[in-house]
Amino acid sequence: MPRVRVGLELLRERGNALLGNQRVGLLCHQASVTADLRHAAEVVRSIKDCTLAALFAPEHGLWGTAQAEVRVRTRRDYSTGTPIWSLYGRNRRPTPAMLRGLDLLLCDLQDVGARYYTFVWTLTLAMEACARAGVRLLVLDRPNPLGGLTVEGNVLEERFASFVGLHPLPVRHGMTIGELALYLNAKRGLGASLSVLPMRGWRRKMAWEATGLPWVPPSPNMPTPDTARVYPGGCLIEGTNLSEGRGTTRPFEWVGAPFIEPGRWAAALRAERLPGVQFRPCVFQPAFEKWKGRECGGVQLHVTDRERFKPYLTGLALIATARRLYPTEFAWRKPPYEFEKTRLPIDILCGSDRVRRQIERGAPLRRIEASWHAGLAAFKNARRKFLLYQ
């Protein structure tokens, strides 16, 4: 089977022509690797007449050691002394001092295809900063693990913008990080001098397993492509007092709480007849995060049909049924969350308070889903000219 070739591998071939005689900054993380597992920093350092002057790290840090919402400090690379500027802490965008002396900022980040995953917003803020500083930006493209055909969920309302959604996108946007950069730069007027180095061999219908690429976890709680598949719905659980499985070996696939009876919840979820997924009653005990050290009754999501599975709708079903079955124990999580101090986490995750209010009114899931259709159609039309792949 032919393998997809990511932008970093093409840069390795054409590096001197693209980067020669330039001082370069690199925004990357532990998943920024070639198919033979050479890290992007190593690749850039091997390019003749190119100086890797600075590294930039998104949420979780350069090596993915920090858990969610843990601010990462700026430091220096042990082996070379190169500064590693943290963009998830005191500063979420590069400052003029960080960019000083750079000709180009390279971005090589593996995204997971969901609006709340913060890497695309780190890139967005970097584009704004580079535009102001007169630094060019080159995105090395990588696959969307969820494929590029399906879009799902409501489009974010601008008044609910936050670091889990700075600009209007649906939850599952079906774009690569390079396509998103082009789309946001044009649609939001970011003004960056932006180029994208596309992949070779990627097609929009591809699941991750079809790419032939190794999976390197882009964040501590994204251990497998299966995790990425459920994440557009599983992340919504962060907006509640249910455990989303952090602190277990199956984050976002195991969901529950000490007050839940597994069989009863699984039966209610099966009654929703959600496509492409089965719910297995289970018990788990998180080692950290919510309900640390407590046995949680819950369910494990088993995706049975990737093409039919609707992760966002499934996440809403988990919340709606738990709230209906356990009205006195279930609760919405209170702020702060992801630098937001006033609005409910569930509202900034959904990009609207409408979804929460629909759940609180007991609206049927299919009616909630139908309310997204017009926004999704407009988004699909708007994104069309920025798509790089068939």
Protein backbone atom coordinates (compact mmCIF):
# COMPACT_ATOMS: atom_id res chain seq x y z
CA MET A 1 0.00 0.00 0.00
CA PRO A 2 1.46 3.41 -0.94
CA ARG A 3 2.24 5.51 2.11
CA VAL A 4 1.27 9.13 2.66
CA ARG A 5 4.26 11.48 2.70
CA VAL A 6 3.86 14.32 5.17
CA GLY A 7 5.12 17.85 4.64
CA LEU A 8 8.14 17.26 6.89
CA GLU A 9 9.41 14.48 4.62
CA LEU A 10 9.10 16.71 1.56
CA LEU A 11 10.93 19.46 3.43
CA ARG A 12 13.76 17.01 4.09
CA GLU A 13 14.11 16.53 0.33
CA ARG A 14 13.83 20.21 -0.64
CA GLY A 15 15.17 21.78 2.53
CA ASN A 16 18.05 23.83 1.21
CA ALA A 17 15.91 25.38 -1.52
CA LEU A 18 13.21 26.27 1.02
CA LEU A 19 15.26 27.14 4.10
CA GLY A 20 18.82 27.85 2.97
CA ASN A 21 20.49 30.99 4.40
CA GLN A 22 17.60 31.60 6.80
CA ARG A 23 17.13 31.77 10.56
CA VAL A 24 14.16 29.57 11.35
CA GLY A 25 11.85 29.04 14.31
CA LEU A 26 10.00 25.72 14.62
CA LEU A 27 6.59 25.24 16.24
CA CYS A 28 6.38 21.51 16.93
CA HIS A 29 5.78 18.76 19.45
CA GLN A 30 6.67 15.11 20.00
CA ALA A 31 4.51 13.91 17.08
CA SER A 32 6.40 16.12 14.59
CA VAL A 33 8.21 13.20 13.00
CA THR A 34 8.89 11.61 9.62
CA ALA A 35 7.70 8.10 8.79
CA ASP A 36 11.10 6.82 9.96
CA LEU A 37 10.60 8.74 13.23
CA ARG A 38 13.12 11.53 12.77
CA HIS A 39 11.97 14.59 14.68
CA ALA A 40 11.38 17.87 12.87
CA ALA A 41 14.11 19.64 14.86
CA GLU A 42 16.62 17.04 13.73
CA VAL A 43 15.48 17.40 10.12
CA VAL A 44 15.76 21.19 10.16
CA ARG A 45 19.19 21.11 11.81
CA SER A 46 20.41 18.78 9.05
CA ILE A 47 19.54 21.26 6.29
CA LYS A 48 22.65 22.98 4.94
CA ASP A 49 22.93 26.75 5.54
CA CYS A 50 19.80 26.81 7.72
CA THR A 51 19.93 27.93 11.34
CA LEU A 52 17.34 26.58 13.77
CA ALA A 53 17.28 29.58 16.07
CA ALA A 54 14.26 28.84 18.28
CA LEU A 55 11.73 26.16 19.15
CA PHE A 56 8.10 26.88 20.05
CA ALA A 57 5.94 24.46 22.05
CA PRO A 58 2.10 24.28 22.17
CA GLU A 59 -0.05 22.89 24.99
CA HIS A 60 1.55 19.86 26.73
CA GLY A 61 5.06 21.08 25.90
CA LEU A 62 7.63 20.06 23.32
CA TRP A 63 7.64 16.43 24.45
CA GLY A 64 4.01 16.11 25.53
CA THR A 65 4.75 15.62 29.22
CA ALA A 66 2.31 18.17 30.68
CA GLN A 67 -1.30 17.19 31.31
CA ALA A 68 -4.25 19.23 30.03
CA GLU A 69 -4.49 22.84 31.22
CA VAL A 70 -1.04 22.68 32.88
CA ARG A 71 0.89 25.77 31.90
CA VAL A 72 4.29 25.03 30.43
CA ARG A 73 7.36 27.11 31.20
CA THR A 74 9.92 28.39 28.71
CA ARG A 75 13.29 26.61 28.85
CA ARG A 76 16.31 25.69 26.74
CA ASP A 77 17.01 22.51 24.82
CA TYR A 78 19.39 20.37 26.85
CA SER A 79 21.61 19.31 23.95
CA THR A 80 21.87 22.51 21.88
CA GLY A 81 20.88 25.36 24.17
CA THR A 82 18.21 26.47 21.69
CA PRO A 83 15.43 28.39 23.45
CA ILE A 84 12.12 26.51 23.71
CA TRP A 85 9.44 29.16 23.95
CA SER A 86 6.23 27.97 25.59
CA LEU A 87 3.02 29.10 23.88
CA TYR A 88 0.83 27.60 26.59
CA GLY A 89 1.51 29.54 29.71
CA ARG A 90 2.36 33.15 30.28
CA ASN A 91 2.13 33.78 26.53
CA ARG A 92 -0.17 31.98 24.11
CA ARG A 93 1.19 33.85 21.11
CA PRO A 94 4.82 34.54 20.19
CA THR A 95 6.01 37.92 21.46
CA PRO A 96 8.11 40.26 19.29
CA ALA A 97 11.15 39.26 21.37
CA MET A 98 10.57 35.56 20.58
CA LEU A 99 10.35 36.27 16.84
CA ARG A 100 13.20 38.76 16.68
CA GLY A 101 15.85 37.77 14.14
CA LEU A 102 13.74 35.04 12.50
CA ASP A 103 13.16 34.95 8.76
CA LEU A 104 10.60 32.14 8.90
CA LEU A 105 8.45 30.26 11.39
CA LEU A 106 7.87 26.61 10.49
CA CYS A 107 4.82 24.84 11.92
CA ASP A 108 4.68 21.06 12.10
CA LEU A 109 1.86 19.98 14.42
CA GLN A 110 -0.24 16.82 14.28
CA ASP A 111 -3.86 17.90 14.81
CA VAL A 112 -6.77 15.53 15.60
CA GLY A 113 -9.60 17.13 13.63
CA ALA A 114 -11.69 18.62 16.46
CA ARG A 115 -12.30 22.33 17.08
CA TYR A 116 -11.37 22.20 20.75
CA TYR A 117 -7.91 20.72 20.24
CA THR A 118 -5.77 23.75 20.97
CA PHE A 119 -2.90 23.31 18.50
CA VAL A 120 -4.74 25.00 15.63
CA TRP A 121 -5.43 28.01 17.86
CA THR A 122 -1.76 28.20 18.86
CA LEU A 123 -0.99 28.30 15.14
CA THR A 124 -3.67 30.95 14.60
CA LEU A 125 -2.16 33.23 17.25
CA ALA A 126 1.29 32.59 15.78
CA MET A 127 0.01 33.68 12.36
CA GLU A 128 -1.23 36.94 13.86
CA ALA A 129 2.09 37.53 15.60
CA CYS A 130 4.12 36.72 12.49
CA ALA A 131 1.99 39.12 10.44
CA ARG A 132 2.81 41.93 12.87
CA ALA A 133 6.51 41.05 13.03
CA GLY A 134 7.00 40.57 9.29
CA VAL A 135 8.01 36.91 9.70
CA ARG A 136 6.93 34.46 7.01
CA LEU A 137 5.20 31.25 8.05
CA LEU A 138 5.32 27.79 6.45
CA VAL A 139 2.97 25.00 7.59
CA LEU A 140 4.10 21.43 6.99
CA ASP A 141 0.86 19.58 6.46
CA ARG A 142 -0.26 16.36 8.14
CA PRO A 143 -3.35 14.11 7.89
CA ASN A 144 -6.59 14.75 9.70
CA PRO A 145 -6.98 11.42 11.59
CA LEU A 146 -10.77 11.65 11.17
CA GLY A 147 -10.55 12.04 7.40
CA GLY A 148 -11.57 15.04 5.37
CA LEU A 149 -15.10 14.29 4.18
CA THR A 150 -17.39 14.43 7.21
CA VAL A 151 -18.22 17.60 9.12
CA GLU A 152 -20.34 17.51 12.27
CA GLY A 153 -21.65 19.74 15.02
CA ASN A 154 -22.78 23.30 15.37
CA VAL A 155 -20.61 26.18 14.14
CA LEU A 156 -19.14 28.26 16.98
CA GLU A 157 -20.84 31.58 17.74
CA GLU A 158 -18.27 34.38 17.97
CA ARG A 159 -19.39 35.55 21.41
CA PHE A 160 -18.30 32.14 22.76
CA ALA A 161 -14.77 32.38 21.35
CA SER A 162 -12.09 30.95 23.64
CA PHE A 163 -8.86 28.99 23.44
CA VAL A 164 -10.90 25.87 22.62
CA GLY A 165 -12.39 27.75 19.64
CA LEU A 166 -11.15 31.20 18.64
CA HIS A 167 -13.04 31.44 15.35
CA PRO A 168 -16.24 29.93 13.90
CA LEU A 169 -15.73 26.28 12.95
CA PRO A 170 -17.90 23.21 13.45
CA VAL A 171 -16.64 20.74 16.04
CA ARG A 172 -15.55 18.23 13.42
CA HIS A 173 -14.29 20.37 10.55
CA GLY A 174 -12.82 17.77 8.16
CA MET A 175 -9.74 19.83 7.28
CA THR A 176 -6.00 19.36 7.68
CA ILE A 177 -4.03 21.84 9.75
CA GLY A 178 -2.61 23.33 6.54
CA GLU A 179 -6.06 23.79 5.04
CA LEU A 180 -7.29 25.35 8.29
CA ALA A 181 -4.36 27.78 8.27
CA LEU A 182 -5.23 28.91 4.73
CA TYR A 183 -8.94 29.14 5.58
CA LEU A 184 -8.49 31.12 8.79
CA ASN A 185 -5.82 33.42 7.35
CA ALA A 186 -8.17 34.41 4.52
CA LYS A 187 -11.55 34.34 6.24
CA ARG A 188 -10.45 36.02 9.45
CA GLY A 189 -8.04 38.50 7.87
CA LEU A 190 -5.02 37.38 9.90
CA GLY A 191 -2.60 38.91 7.39
CA ALA A 192 0.12 36.27 7.61
CA SER A 193 2.59 35.72 4.78
CA LEU A 194 1.59 32.06 4.73
CA SER A 195 2.56 29.02 2.67
CA VAL A 196 1.64 25.36 3.10
CA LEU A 197 3.78 22.40 2.05
CA PRO A 198 1.11 19.81 1.18
CA MET A 199 1.35 16.06 1.70
CA ARG A 200 1.61 13.56 -1.11
CA GLY A 201 -0.80 10.68 -1.34
CA TRP A 202 -3.40 11.78 1.21
CA ARG A 203 -7.06 11.52 0.22
CA ARG A 204 -10.01 12.95 2.09
CA LYS A 205 -11.66 9.57 2.63
CA MET A 206 -8.62 8.13 4.44
CA ALA A 207 -8.80 6.88 7.99
CA TRP A 208 -5.49 7.18 9.84
CA GLU A 209 -4.81 3.47 9.43
CA ALA A 210 -4.84 3.90 5.64
CA THR A 211 -2.01 6.45 5.68
CA GLY A 212 0.72 3.93 6.53
CA LEU A 213 2.13 6.42 9.05
CA PRO A 214 3.13 5.62 12.64
CA TRP A 215 0.92 7.10 15.35
CA VAL A 216 2.82 9.20 17.87
CA PRO A 217 0.50 10.54 20.59
CA PRO A 218 0.24 14.31 19.98
CA SER A 219 -0.88 14.82 23.61
CA PRO A 220 -0.75 12.70 26.79
CA ASN A 221 -4.38 11.58 26.56
CA MET A 222 -4.41 10.82 22.83
CA PRO A 223 -2.67 7.42 22.89
CA THR A 224 -4.22 5.86 19.77
CA PRO A 225 -6.16 6.76 16.60
CA ASP A 226 -9.19 5.21 18.35
CA THR A 227 -8.94 7.99 20.94
CA ALA A 228 -8.95 10.64 18.23
CA ARG A 229 -12.03 9.02 16.71
CA VAL A 230 -14.15 9.49 19.84
CA TYR A 231 -12.56 12.77 20.99
CA PRO A 232 -14.99 15.19 19.21
CA GLY A 233 -17.68 13.90 21.57
CA GLY A 234 -15.57 12.67 24.47
CA CYS A 235 -14.06 16.10 25.08
CA LEU A 236 -17.54 17.46 25.86
CA ILE A 237 -17.48 15.38 29.05
CA GLU A 238 -14.87 17.83 30.36
CA GLY A 239 -17.76 20.30 30.72
CA THR A 240 -19.49 18.06 33.27
CA ASN A 241 -18.74 16.29 36.56
CA LEU A 242 -18.47 12.96 34.72
CA SER A 243 -15.02 11.49 34.23
CA GLU A 244 -13.92 11.49 30.59
CA GLY A 245 -11.48 8.69 31.40
CA ARG A 246 -8.43 10.86 32.08
CA GLY A 247 -6.23 8.94 34.45
CA THR A 248 -7.07 5.63 32.75
CA THR A 249 -5.63 3.72 29.80
CA ARG A 250 -8.68 4.56 27.61
CA PRO A 251 -9.27 8.33 27.88
CA PHE A 252 -12.44 9.58 26.14
CA GLU A 253 -13.50 5.96 25.49
CA TRP A 254 -14.36 5.26 29.14
CA VAL A 255 -16.88 7.69 30.62
CA GLY A 256 -18.58 7.54 34.00
CA ALA A 257 -18.87 8.60 37.64
CA PRO A 258 -19.30 6.93 41.05
CA PHE A 259 -23.05 7.62 41.02
CA ILE A 260 -23.71 5.81 37.72
CA GLU A 261 -25.03 2.26 37.47
CA PRO A 262 -23.33 0.93 34.30
CA GLY A 263 -26.06 -1.37 32.98
CA ARG A 264 -28.81 1.21 33.39
CA TRP A 265 -26.82 3.89 31.56
CA ALA A 266 -25.76 1.53 28.76
CA ALA A 267 -29.40 0.53 28.20
CA ALA A 268 -30.47 4.19 27.95
CA LEU A 269 -27.71 4.89 25.44
CA ARG A 270 -28.58 1.85 23.34
CA ALA A 271 -32.16 3.09 23.19
CA GLU A 272 -30.93 6.21 21.36
CA ARG A 273 -29.90 3.98 18.40
CA LEU A 274 -26.81 6.00 17.61
CA PRO A 275 -25.04 4.93 14.40
CA GLY A 276 -21.70 3.14 14.34
CA VAL A 277 -21.20 2.71 18.09
CA GLN A 278 -21.94 0.23 20.88
CA PHE A 279 -21.86 0.88 24.63
CA ARG A 280 -20.38 -1.67 27.01
CA PRO A 281 -21.10 -1.31 30.74
CA CYS A 282 -17.84 -0.98 32.66
CA VAL A 283 -16.22 0.13 35.93
CA PHE A 284 -12.95 2.07 36.05
CA GLN A 285 -10.82 3.92 38.58
CA PRO A 286 -8.99 7.08 37.45
CA ALA A 287 -5.45 7.46 38.77
CA PHE A 288 -5.73 11.26 38.48
CA GLU A 289 -8.15 14.03 37.45
CA LYS A 290 -11.88 13.75 38.22
CA TRP A 291 -12.88 11.09 40.75
CA LYS A 292 -9.23 10.16 41.36
CA GLY A 293 -9.02 6.85 43.21
CA ARG A 294 -12.80 6.31 43.12
CA GLU A 295 -14.55 3.48 41.29
CA CYS A 296 -16.68 4.93 38.50
CA GLY A 297 -19.58 3.12 36.90
CA GLY A 298 -19.88 3.92 33.25
CA VAL A 299 -19.60 2.76 29.67
CA GLN A 300 -16.90 2.15 27.12
CA LEU A 301 -17.56 3.37 23.59
CA HIS A 302 -16.81 0.78 20.91
CA VAL A 303 -16.84 2.26 17.40
CA THR A 304 -18.24 -0.40 15.07
CA ASP A 305 -18.52 1.64 11.87
CA ARG A 306 -16.11 4.55 11.40
CA GLU A 307 -18.00 6.05 8.47
CA ARG A 308 -21.41 6.10 10.20
CA PHE A 309 -20.19 7.02 13.70
CA LYS A 310 -21.11 10.53 14.86
CA PRO A 311 -18.78 11.37 17.75
CA TYR A 312 -20.23 14.79 18.61
CA LEU A 313 -23.83 13.55 18.67
CA THR A 314 -22.67 10.58 20.73
CA GLY A 315 -20.99 12.89 23.26
CA LEU A 316 -24.20 14.86 23.61
CA ALA A 317 -26.11 11.60 24.09
CA LEU A 318 -23.77 10.61 26.93
CA ILE A 319 -24.44 13.92 28.66
CA ALA A 320 -28.19 14.06 28.03
CA THR A 321 -28.87 10.52 29.23
CA ALA A 322 -26.66 10.87 32.33
CA ARG A 323 -28.41 14.11 33.24
CA ARG A 324 -31.85 12.52 32.73
CA LEU A 325 -31.05 9.38 34.76
CA TYR A 326 -29.17 11.14 37.57
CA PRO A 327 -30.66 14.65 37.81
CA THR A 328 -29.51 15.32 41.38
CA GLU A 329 -25.96 13.97 40.98
CA PHE A 330 -25.10 15.21 37.48
CA ALA A 331 -23.68 18.74 37.27
CA TRP A 332 -22.16 21.10 34.75
CA ARG A 333 -18.51 21.88 35.49
CA LYS A 334 -17.87 25.40 36.73
CA PRO A 335 -15.19 27.75 35.38
CA PRO A 336 -12.28 28.42 35.17
CA TYR A 337 -11.47 26.27 32.16
CA GLU A 338 -8.91 26.86 29.39
CA PHE A 339 -8.23 30.49 30.41
CA GLU A 340 -11.98 31.27 30.52
CA LYS A 341 -13.08 32.49 33.96
CA THR A 342 -16.79 33.31 33.62
CA ARG A 343 -18.61 31.20 31.03
CA LEU A 344 -19.46 27.55 31.61
CA PRO A 345 -16.93 25.10 30.14
CA ILE A 346 -19.70 23.23 28.32
CA ASP A 347 -20.72 26.45 26.56
CA ILE A 348 -17.25 27.31 25.29
CA LEU A 349 -16.73 23.69 24.22
CA CYS A 350 -20.00 23.73 22.29
CA GLY A 351 -19.27 27.25 21.07
CA SER A 352 -22.77 28.25 22.15
CA ASP A 353 -25.10 28.04 25.13
CA ARG A 354 -27.87 26.84 22.83
CA VAL A 355 -26.81 23.19 22.97
CA ARG A 356 -26.77 23.15 26.77
CA ARG A 357 -30.16 24.80 26.90
CA GLN A 358 -31.56 22.25 24.44
CA ILE A 359 -30.31 19.43 26.68
CA GLU A 360 -31.75 21.09 29.77
CA ARG A 361 -35.15 21.35 28.03
CA GLY A 362 -35.02 17.68 27.13
CA ALA A 363 -34.94 18.28 23.37
CA PRO A 364 -34.58 15.05 21.34
CA LEU A 365 -31.08 14.44 20.03
CA ARG A 366 -32.24 14.36 16.42
CA ARG A 367 -33.83 17.80 16.81
CA ILE A 368 -30.59 19.15 18.28
CA GLU A 369 -28.68 17.64 15.36
CA ALA A 370 -31.09 19.14 12.81
CA SER A 371 -30.42 22.61 14.19
CA TRP A 372 -26.81 22.42 12.90
CA HIS A 373 -27.61 21.69 9.26
CA ALA A 374 -27.77 25.23 7.87
CA GLY A 375 -24.53 26.27 9.56
CA LEU A 376 -22.73 23.14 8.36
CA ALA A 377 -23.89 23.67 4.78
CA ALA A 378 -22.60 27.26 4.81
CA PHE A 379 -19.26 26.15 6.29
CA LYS A 380 -18.78 23.38 3.72
CA ASN A 381 -19.38 25.88 0.95
CA ALA A 382 -16.98 28.43 2.49
CA ARG A 383 -14.16 25.92 3.01
CA ARG A 384 -14.30 24.48 -0.51
CA LYS A 385 -11.69 26.68 -2.19
CA PHE A 386 -9.16 26.06 0.61
CA LEU A 387 -9.15 22.27 0.29
CA LEU A 388 -5.81 20.93 -0.97
CA TYR A 389 -6.71 17.27 -1.50
CA GLN A 390 -9.24 15.21 -3.42
